[in-house]
C-alpha cells in the first residue's frame, strides 16, 4: 500500500500526539484543504458518502480481507459505491467535515474487520510523502492491478467519448459542445463553451473546474490543473477544490503541464515555471514559437518555419529535430512526435533516426503516450497502435473525430 496523502502525522491509533483516545483507529495526517486523496491500494468502493463522525468519507475493500477508510473529505467523494479504483486514484479531497478540528485525512487500515496495527509506520510529528510505500508487512496482499489504457476523442458535435482499453466500448462523457479533451491519470478534462470541466473517471460526476465562459486552453497533469483565460492569463492549482493562482500577467495562448513544470506560449515565446510559485524562465524566445510541449525534463517547441527543437533540461542547448514544416509536437517517454504536411513522424530520442508513424497526408491530430502508444486522426477517424511497427487499430470511424487524447 502507498500513502494516500502527504503531510505531518498528528495522531496514531490511541496516541493523539499529546493525548489518548481509545476510540481512534487510524492515523491523522494534517494537510491543506483541497489536497487530493489517493487510494492506498487497488480496490472496490463499499461506502462513499456522509457519516456523522467521519464527515464525507470513502471505504475501500481490497484483496485478502483488507479494508481502508478515508475520512473528513472537504466535499462529497469523487467515487461511487461499487466502483473499481486503481492504486493512487483520487477518492476525494482533504477537508475538515464531521468530527474534526482542522483540515486532515483520518486514514484507517483494517483486515477482516479488525483494526490493523499501523504504529510501526507512523510517528507523532513525523511526515509522510504521498505515494510512498507504507512501511508495513501486508500479508497475502496481492499485486496491484495495472492502470488501464485510456483513450478519448471529441466528435464533430463536441461530444467527448472515453474508454478504458483499446477493445472496450466508448462512453459519452458530456452532451456536446467540447472543443478539446485532455487526460491525466484518472482525470478526463474538456473545454466547452469557454469553461473547463473534468471528471475523475469515466463514470464519476463532472465538476466545473473553471467557469465564466472565458477559458481558452486547458491542461491537467497528476493533480495539477491549469487554464488560459481570454486575456491570456494562465491560472494553475493543485487539487480540484483548491484556489486558482495566476502564473503570468496575460498574453498566453496555450498552457502545458508535466510533473511540476508549467509551460505556456506567449507572444511567440515559450515560458515555464518549475512549480506554481517558482520564478518563470524564458525557455525559448525570439517571438517565433508556434507550438510547445513538456514531458518530464524534456522541452520541445516548433518555430514559425516549422522547425522542431528539443532539449533535455531547462538550461541545456536546443537541438533541431527536423528541417521544417511541423505544426504540432507531442512528447511522451523518450518519444518525440510531430505533425508535418499531414503526416505523423517520431523519434525515439533527440538524436535517433526519425520514423514515419503515419503517412498519406491526411493526419490532422496526433498523440503519443507511455513508451509505445501512438494515435492520430486521419480523415476524421481515430487510429491507434501499441508499438511503432505494429498495425493500426481503428478506434473510432465515421469521419467525425476532431481531437484525441490517450494516456497509458
Protein backbone atom coordinates (compact mmCIF):
# COMPACT_ATOMS: atom_id res chain seq x y z
CA UNK A 1 0.00 0.00 0.00
CA UNK A 2 1.01 3.61 -0.53
CA UNK A 3 0.46 6.78 1.46
CA UNK A 4 -2.83 8.41 0.37
CA UNK A 5 -1.65 11.97 1.15
CA UNK A 6 1.49 13.71 2.31
CA UNK A 7 1.78 15.74 5.49
CA UNK A 8 2.51 15.79 9.21
CA UNK A 9 1.30 12.98 11.49
CA UNK A 10 -0.89 14.32 14.32
CA UNK A 11 -2.31 11.07 15.71
CA UNK A 12 -1.57 7.33 15.56
CA UNK A 13 -4.30 4.98 16.83
CA UNK A 14 -4.97 5.79 20.51
CA UNK A 15 -1.97 8.14 20.68
CA UNK A 16 -3.31 11.56 19.76
CA UNK A 17 0.16 13.12 19.94
CA UNK A 18 -0.43 14.80 23.28
CA UNK A 19 -3.48 12.90 24.48
CA UNK A 20 -5.12 9.49 24.46
CA UNK A 21 -8.26 8.36 22.66
CA UNK A 22 -9.09 4.66 22.76
CA UNK A 23 -11.72 5.13 20.02
CA UNK A 24 -9.24 6.47 17.48
CA UNK A 25 -8.49 3.69 14.97
CA UNK A 26 -6.24 5.26 12.33
CA UNK A 27 -3.60 7.84 11.55
CA UNK A 28 -4.29 11.56 11.22
CA UNK A 29 -2.27 13.33 8.53
CA UNK A 30 -2.61 17.12 8.53
CA UNK A 31 -2.77 18.87 5.16
CA UNK A 32 -4.19 21.80 3.27
CA UNK A 33 -7.87 21.71 2.40
CA UNK A 34 -8.34 20.54 -1.18
CA UNK A 35 -5.32 18.23 -1.34
CA UNK A 36 -6.12 15.12 -3.37
CA UNK A 37 -6.51 11.82 -1.52
CA UNK A 38 -5.29 8.77 -3.45
CA UNK A 39 -6.35 5.17 -2.95
CA UNK A 40 -3.75 3.30 -0.91
CA UNK A 41 -4.33 0.19 -2.97
CA UNK A 42 -6.45 -1.18 -5.80
CA UNK A 43 -9.94 -1.96 -4.53
CA UNK A 44 -13.69 -1.55 -4.72
CA UNK A 45 -15.69 1.29 -3.16
CA UNK A 46 -18.01 -0.11 -0.49
CA UNK A 47 -19.01 3.22 1.07
CA UNK A 48 -18.92 6.76 -0.31
CA UNK A 49 -20.92 9.43 1.44
CA UNK A 50 -21.61 11.12 4.75
CA UNK A 51 -21.14 9.72 8.24
CA UNK A 52 -21.77 11.73 11.40
CA UNK A 53 -18.27 11.42 12.83
CA UNK A 54 -16.26 10.89 9.66
CA UNK A 55 -17.94 13.55 7.54
CA UNK A 56 -17.52 12.89 3.83
CA UNK A 57 -15.71 9.58 3.66
CA UNK A 58 -14.83 6.57 1.50
CA UNK A 59 -14.30 2.93 2.40
CA UNK A 60 -12.44 0.59 0.04
CA UNK A 61 -12.38 -3.19 0.10
CA UNK A 62 -9.14 -4.85 -1.03
CA UNK A 63 -7.80 -8.34 -1.60
CA UNK A 64 -7.19 -10.77 1.28
CA UNK A 65 -9.72 -9.13 3.62
CA UNK A 66 -8.02 -5.72 3.79
CA UNK A 67 -10.06 -2.54 4.05
CA UNK A 68 -9.05 1.14 4.06
CA UNK A 69 -11.10 4.17 5.19
CA UNK A 70 -10.61 7.86 4.31
CA UNK A 71 -12.45 10.42 6.49
CA UNK A 72 -13.23 14.17 6.70
CA UNK A 73 -13.19 14.98 2.95
CA UNK A 74 -13.97 18.58 2.03
CA UNK A 75 -16.84 17.64 -0.30
CA UNK A 76 -18.72 14.54 -1.36
CA UNK A 77 -16.37 11.77 -2.55
CA UNK A 78 -15.21 11.62 -6.16
CA UNK A 79 -16.11 7.92 -6.39
CA UNK A 80 -19.30 5.90 -6.02
CA UNK A 81 -20.24 2.62 -4.35
CA UNK A 82 -19.36 -0.38 -6.49
CA UNK A 83 -16.70 1.48 -8.46
CA UNK A 84 -13.37 -0.26 -9.01
CA UNK A 85 -10.42 2.08 -8.35
CA UNK A 86 -6.73 1.82 -9.05
CA UNK A 87 -3.88 2.48 -6.64
CA UNK A 88 -3.39 6.23 -6.34
CA UNK A 89 -6.74 7.09 -7.94
CA UNK A 90 -8.29 10.21 -6.45
CA UNK A 91 -11.07 9.40 -3.99
CA UNK A 92 -11.75 12.93 -2.76
CA UNK A 93 -10.00 15.89 -1.19
CA UNK A 94 -8.72 16.74 2.27
CA UNK A 95 -11.15 18.69 4.41
CA UNK A 96 -12.49 19.05 7.95
CA UNK A 97 -16.01 17.68 7.80
CA UNK A 98 -17.57 15.60 10.58
CA UNK A 99 -15.82 15.37 13.93
CA UNK A 100 -12.70 17.32 13.02
CA UNK A 101 -10.80 20.34 14.34
CA UNK A 102 -8.87 21.20 11.17
CA UNK A 103 -8.07 20.00 7.64
CA UNK A 104 -6.60 16.50 7.72
CA UNK A 105 -7.08 12.96 6.49
CA UNK A 106 -8.03 10.28 9.01
CA UNK A 107 -6.80 7.08 7.34
CA UNK A 108 -7.54 3.59 8.65
CA UNK A 109 -6.44 0.11 7.65
CA UNK A 110 -8.38 -2.95 8.77
CA UNK A 111 -8.23 -6.65 8.00
CA UNK A 112 -11.20 -8.97 8.33
CA UNK A 113 -12.89 -6.26 10.36
CA UNK A 114 -10.07 -5.87 12.92
CA UNK A 115 -8.05 -2.66 13.27
CA UNK A 116 -4.63 -3.13 11.70
CA UNK A 117 -1.62 -2.10 13.77
CA UNK A 118 -0.18 0.83 11.83
CA UNK A 119 2.01 2.09 14.68
CA UNK A 120 5.36 0.90 13.18
CA UNK A 121 4.76 3.01 10.05
CA UNK A 122 3.90 6.35 11.69
CA UNK A 123 5.40 8.60 14.37
CA UNK A 124 3.86 11.66 16.02
CA UNK A 125 5.21 14.82 14.45
CA UNK A 126 6.80 12.93 11.59
CA UNK A 127 5.94 13.46 7.95
CA UNK A 128 4.84 11.12 5.20
CA UNK A 129 5.08 11.51 1.43
CA UNK A 130 2.11 10.91 -0.81
CA UNK A 131 2.61 7.84 -2.99
CA UNK A 132 5.45 6.43 -0.87
CA UNK A 133 5.14 2.82 0.27
CA UNK A 134 3.60 2.31 3.72
CA UNK A 135 6.32 0.55 5.68
CA UNK A 136 4.27 -2.39 6.90
CA UNK A 137 4.14 -6.08 6.01
CA UNK A 138 0.77 -6.72 4.36
CA UNK A 139 0.47 -10.50 4.44
CA UNK A 140 -1.09 -12.11 1.35
CA UNK A 141 -1.89 -8.77 -0.26
CA UNK A 142 -1.92 -9.44 -3.99
CA UNK A 143 -0.12 -7.22 -6.53
CA UNK A 144 -1.94 -4.12 -7.69
CA UNK A 145 -3.86 -4.13 -10.95
CA UNK A 146 -2.33 -2.23 -13.83
CA UNK A 147 -3.97 1.07 -14.69
CA UNK A 148 -5.91 0.57 -17.95
CA UNK A 149 -5.01 2.39 -21.13
CA UNK A 150 -7.46 5.26 -21.61
CA UNK A 151 -8.49 6.75 -24.94
CA UNK A 152 -10.68 9.78 -25.62
CA UNK A 153 -11.89 11.83 -28.54
CA UNK A 154 -14.16 14.75 -29.39
CA UNK A 155 -16.55 14.32 -32.30
CA UNK A 156 -17.89 16.95 -34.67
CA UNK A 157 -20.82 17.67 -32.31
CA UNK A 158 -18.42 18.28 -29.43
CA UNK A 159 -19.34 15.09 -27.59
CA UNK A 160 -16.40 13.69 -25.61
CA UNK A 161 -16.12 9.91 -25.67
CA UNK A 162 -13.77 7.87 -23.48
CA UNK A 163 -12.95 4.21 -22.89
CA UNK A 164 -10.50 2.13 -20.86
CA UNK A 165 -8.76 -0.42 -23.05
CA UNK A 166 -8.38 -0.46 -26.80
CA UNK A 167 -11.14 -3.02 -27.33
CA UNK A 168 -13.78 -1.78 -24.86
CA UNK A 169 -16.86 0.28 -25.68
CA UNK A 170 -16.94 4.06 -25.89
CA UNK A 171 -18.82 6.04 -23.24
CA UNK A 172 -20.12 9.57 -23.81
CA UNK A 173 -18.76 11.93 -21.15
CA UNK A 174 -20.74 15.09 -21.97
CA UNK A 175 -23.69 16.15 -24.08
CA UNK A 176 -21.81 18.17 -26.70
CA UNK A 177 -20.04 21.45 -27.35
CA UNK A 178 -16.50 20.41 -26.38
CA UNK A 179 -13.53 21.54 -28.47
CA UNK A 180 -10.64 19.86 -26.67
CA UNK A 181 -10.10 16.85 -24.39
CA UNK A 182 -7.16 16.15 -22.07
CA UNK A 183 -6.28 13.08 -19.98
CA UNK A 184 -4.03 12.55 -16.97
CA UNK A 185 -4.18 9.64 -14.53
CA UNK A 186 -7.88 9.08 -13.89
CA UNK A 187 -8.86 12.62 -14.86
CA UNK A 188 -10.75 13.47 -18.03
CA UNK A 189 -10.93 17.20 -18.76
CA UNK A 190 -12.57 19.09 -21.58
CA UNK A 191 -13.01 22.63 -22.86
CA UNK A 192 -16.61 23.56 -23.61
CA UNK A 193 -18.26 26.95 -24.20
CA UNK A 194 -15.33 28.73 -22.57
CA UNK A 195 -15.49 26.57 -19.44
CA UNK A 196 -13.20 23.86 -18.05
CA UNK A 197 -14.98 20.68 -16.97
CA UNK A 198 -13.49 17.45 -15.62
CA UNK A 199 -14.35 14.00 -14.31
CA UNK A 200 -12.27 11.83 -12.00
CA UNK A 201 -13.09 8.72 -14.02
CA UNK A 202 -15.46 7.94 -16.86
CA UNK A 203 -18.47 7.33 -14.62
CA UNK A 204 -17.79 10.00 -11.99
CA UNK A 205 -19.87 13.17 -11.69
CA UNK A 206 -18.47 16.11 -13.65
CA UNK A 207 -17.01 19.18 -11.98
CA UNK A 208 -16.77 22.75 -13.22
CA UNK A 209 -13.05 23.33 -12.77
CA UNK A 210 -13.17 26.87 -14.20
CA UNK A 211 -16.33 28.62 -15.38
CA UNK A 212 -17.24 32.08 -16.61
CA UNK A 213 -17.02 31.39 -20.34
CA UNK A 214 -13.50 32.83 -20.56
CA UNK A 215 -11.38 29.66 -20.77
CA UNK A 216 -9.31 29.34 -23.98
CA UNK A 217 -6.98 26.40 -23.25
CA UNK A 218 -6.69 23.71 -20.57
CA UNK A 219 -4.23 21.16 -19.17
CA UNK A 220 -4.07 18.51 -16.43
CA UNK A 221 -1.06 16.67 -15.03
CA UNK A 222 -1.46 14.48 -11.97
CA UNK A 223 -3.46 16.59 -9.54
CA UNK A 224 -2.49 19.92 -11.14
CA UNK A 225 -4.97 21.82 -13.28
CA UNK A 226 -4.30 24.86 -15.47
CA UNK A 227 -6.12 27.04 -17.93
CA UNK A 228 -5.64 30.17 -20.04
CA UNK A 229 -8.39 32.80 -19.97
CA UNK A 230 -9.46 35.22 -22.71
CA UNK A 231 -6.91 37.78 -21.51
CA UNK A 232 -4.13 35.22 -21.80
CA UNK A 233 -3.65 34.86 -18.06
CA UNK A 234 -2.52 31.36 -17.08
CA UNK A 235 -4.06 30.05 -13.87
CA UNK A 236 -2.96 26.89 -12.04
CA UNK A 237 -3.91 24.99 -8.89
CA UNK A 238 -3.11 21.73 -7.13
CA UNK A 239 -6.32 19.92 -6.25
CA UNK A 240 -9.73 20.21 -7.84
CA UNK A 241 -11.14 22.18 -4.90
CA UNK A 242 -8.20 24.48 -4.16
CA UNK A 243 -7.85 28.12 -5.22
CA UNK A 244 -6.51 29.30 -8.55
CA UNK A 245 -3.19 31.15 -8.75
CA UNK A 246 -2.28 33.44 -11.64
CA UNK A 247 1.02 32.38 -13.21
CA UNK A 248 1.61 35.25 -15.66
CA UNK A 249 0.26 38.71 -16.44
CA UNK A 250 -1.51 37.92 -19.71
CA UNK A 251 -0.99 37.24 -23.40
CA UNK A 252 -0.69 33.42 -23.26
CA UNK A 253 -2.39 31.26 -25.89
CA UNK A 254 -1.51 27.75 -24.73
CA UNK A 255 -0.61 26.01 -21.45
CA UNK A 256 1.12 22.65 -20.91
CA UNK A 257 1.85 20.70 -17.72
CA UNK A 258 4.24 17.90 -16.83
CA UNK A 259 5.27 16.91 -13.32
CA UNK A 260 5.99 20.16 -11.51
CA UNK A 261 6.54 22.13 -14.72
CA UNK A 262 4.04 24.68 -16.02
CA UNK A 263 4.76 25.93 -19.52
CA UNK A 264 2.97 28.47 -21.66
CA UNK A 265 3.18 30.02 -25.11
CA UNK A 266 3.01 33.80 -25.15
CA UNK A 267 3.78 36.36 -27.89
CA UNK A 268 5.71 33.72 -29.82
CA UNK A 269 7.85 32.77 -26.81
CA UNK A 270 7.99 29.70 -24.57
CA UNK A 271 7.96 30.35 -20.82
CA UNK A 272 7.94 27.88 -17.92
CA UNK A 273 7.89 27.62 -14.13
CA UNK A 274 9.09 24.71 -12.02
CA UNK A 275 6.07 24.99 -9.71
CA UNK A 276 3.23 27.46 -9.29
CA UNK A 277 5.18 29.85 -7.08
CA UNK A 278 8.60 29.49 -8.75
CA UNK A 279 10.31 32.14 -10.88
CA UNK A 280 9.48 31.97 -14.58
CA UNK A 281 12.09 31.12 -17.21
CA UNK A 282 12.26 32.05 -20.87
CA UNK A 283 12.69 28.58 -22.30
CA UNK A 284 12.65 29.78 -25.92
CA UNK A 285 12.41 33.43 -27.02
CA UNK A 286 12.58 35.32 -30.31
CA UNK A 287 8.85 35.60 -30.95
CA UNK A 288 8.83 32.64 -33.34
CA UNK A 289 7.35 29.84 -31.21
CA UNK A 290 4.16 28.31 -32.65
CA UNK A 291 3.69 25.16 -30.51
CA UNK A 292 5.16 23.79 -27.27
CA UNK A 293 5.36 20.60 -25.20
CA UNK A 294 6.92 19.35 -21.96
CA UNK A 295 7.36 15.78 -20.73
CA UNK A 296 9.41 15.09 -17.62
CA UNK A 297 12.58 17.11 -18.08
CA UNK A 298 12.24 17.30 -21.88
CA UNK A 299 11.12 20.51 -23.57
CA UNK A 300 10.18 20.99 -27.21
CA UNK A 301 8.83 23.73 -29.47
CA UNK A 302 8.02 24.38 -33.11
CA UNK A 303 9.10 27.70 -34.62
CA UNK A 304 7.42 29.74 -37.33
CA UNK A 305 9.33 27.84 -40.04
CA UNK A 306 8.07 24.54 -38.65
CA UNK A 307 11.47 23.52 -37.29
CA UNK A 308 11.06 21.36 -34.21
CA UNK A 309 13.58 21.89 -31.43
CA UNK A 310 14.02 19.73 -28.30
CA UNK A 311 16.28 19.63 -25.26
CA UNK A 312 16.64 17.67 -22.03
CA UNK A 313 16.85 20.10 -19.12
CA UNK A 314 15.66 23.68 -18.91
CA UNK A 315 19.18 25.10 -19.15
CA UNK A 316 20.63 22.83 -21.85
CA UNK A 317 21.02 23.66 -25.54
CA UNK A 318 18.31 23.22 -28.15
CA UNK A 319 18.68 20.60 -30.88
CA UNK A 320 16.82 20.76 -34.19
CA UNK A 321 14.82 17.58 -34.73
CA UNK A 322 13.55 18.18 -38.29
CA UNK A 323 14.21 20.57 -41.17
CA UNK A 324 10.88 22.44 -41.13
CA UNK A 325 7.17 22.19 -41.87
CA UNK A 326 5.97 20.90 -38.48
CA UNK A 327 2.74 22.27 -36.98
CA UNK A 328 2.41 20.30 -33.74
CA UNK A 329 4.72 18.48 -31.31
CA UNK A 330 3.87 15.70 -28.83
CA UNK A 331 6.15 14.16 -26.19
CA UNK A 332 5.95 11.02 -24.04
CA UNK A 333 8.67 8.88 -22.52
CA UNK A 334 11.63 9.10 -24.88
CA UNK A 335 9.43 9.70 -27.91
CA UNK A 336 9.24 12.98 -29.79
CA UNK A 337 6.37 13.08 -32.27
CA UNK A 338 5.36 15.78 -34.70
CA UNK A 339 2.75 16.53 -37.32
CA UNK A 340 4.09 17.74 -40.67
CA UNK A 341 2.45 18.09 -44.09
CA UNK A 342 -0.40 15.83 -43.00
CA UNK A 343 1.95 13.09 -41.81
CA UNK A 344 2.99 11.82 -38.38
CA UNK A 345 6.71 11.46 -37.67
CA UNK A 346 8.52 10.43 -34.49
CA UNK A 347 11.97 9.89 -32.99
CA UNK A 348 12.83 7.65 -30.06
CA UNK A 349 15.14 10.27 -28.57
CA UNK A 350 16.52 13.58 -29.76
CA UNK A 351 19.38 12.04 -31.73
CA UNK A 352 17.59 8.94 -33.04
CA UNK A 353 16.52 8.32 -36.61
CA UNK A 354 13.06 9.57 -37.47
CA UNK A 355 10.23 7.22 -38.41
CA UNK A 356 7.10 7.82 -40.46
CA UNK A 357 4.44 6.74 -37.98
CA UNK A 358 1.51 7.58 -40.30
CA UNK A 359 1.79 8.97 -43.83
CA UNK A 360 -0.68 9.76 -46.60
CA UNK A 361 -1.04 13.47 -45.92
CA UNK A 362 -4.32 13.08 -44.01
CA UNK A 363 -3.16 13.44 -40.39
CA UNK A 364 -4.96 16.25 -38.54
CA UNK A 365 -4.14 15.47 -34.88
CA UNK A 366 -1.55 13.29 -33.12
CA UNK A 367 -0.86 11.80 -29.68
CA UNK A 368 1.78 9.64 -28.05
CA UNK A 369 1.61 8.11 -24.56
CA UNK A 370 3.77 5.96 -22.35
CA UNK A 371 6.63 4.28 -24.14
CA UNK A 372 4.79 2.76 -27.07
CA UNK A 373 1.27 4.01 -27.79
CA UNK A 374 0.74 6.20 -30.87
CA UNK A 375 -2.51 7.69 -32.15
CA UNK A 376 -3.68 10.06 -34.87
CA UNK A 377 -6.75 11.46 -36.57
CA UNK A 378 -6.94 10.85 -40.31
CA UNK A 379 -9.96 11.61 -42.44
CA UNK A 380 -11.97 12.24 -39.29
CA UNK A 381 -11.21 8.77 -37.92
CA UNK A 382 -9.24 7.79 -34.79
CA UNK A 383 -6.42 5.29 -35.21
CA UNK A 384 -4.06 3.92 -32.56
CA UNK A 385 -1.36 1.28 -32.20
CA UNK A 386 0.87 -0.08 -29.48
CA UNK A 387 4.40 -0.07 -30.85
CA UNK A 388 5.92 1.95 -33.64
CA UNK A 389 5.89 -1.04 -36.03
CA UNK A 390 2.51 -2.52 -35.05
CA UNK A 391 -0.62 -2.41 -37.20
CA UNK A 392 -3.12 0.38 -36.74
CA UNK A 393 -6.42 -0.18 -34.94
CA UNK A 394 -9.48 1.82 -35.93
CA UNK A 395 -10.57 3.19 -32.57
CA UNK A 396 -13.46 5.24 -33.94
CA UNK A 397 -14.61 5.62 -37.54
CA UNK A 398 -17.37 7.60 -39.18
CA UNK A 399 -15.30 10.61 -40.15
CA UNK A 400 -16.47 12.69 -37.17
CA UNK A 401 -13.39 12.73 -34.89
CA UNK A 402 -11.76 16.14 -34.41
CA UNK A 403 -9.45 15.90 -31.36
CA UNK A 404 -7.94 12.97 -29.49
CA UNK A 405 -6.09 12.14 -26.26
CA UNK A 406 -4.54 8.97 -24.82
CA UNK A 407 -2.91 8.09 -21.50
CA UNK A 408 -1.26 4.75 -20.77
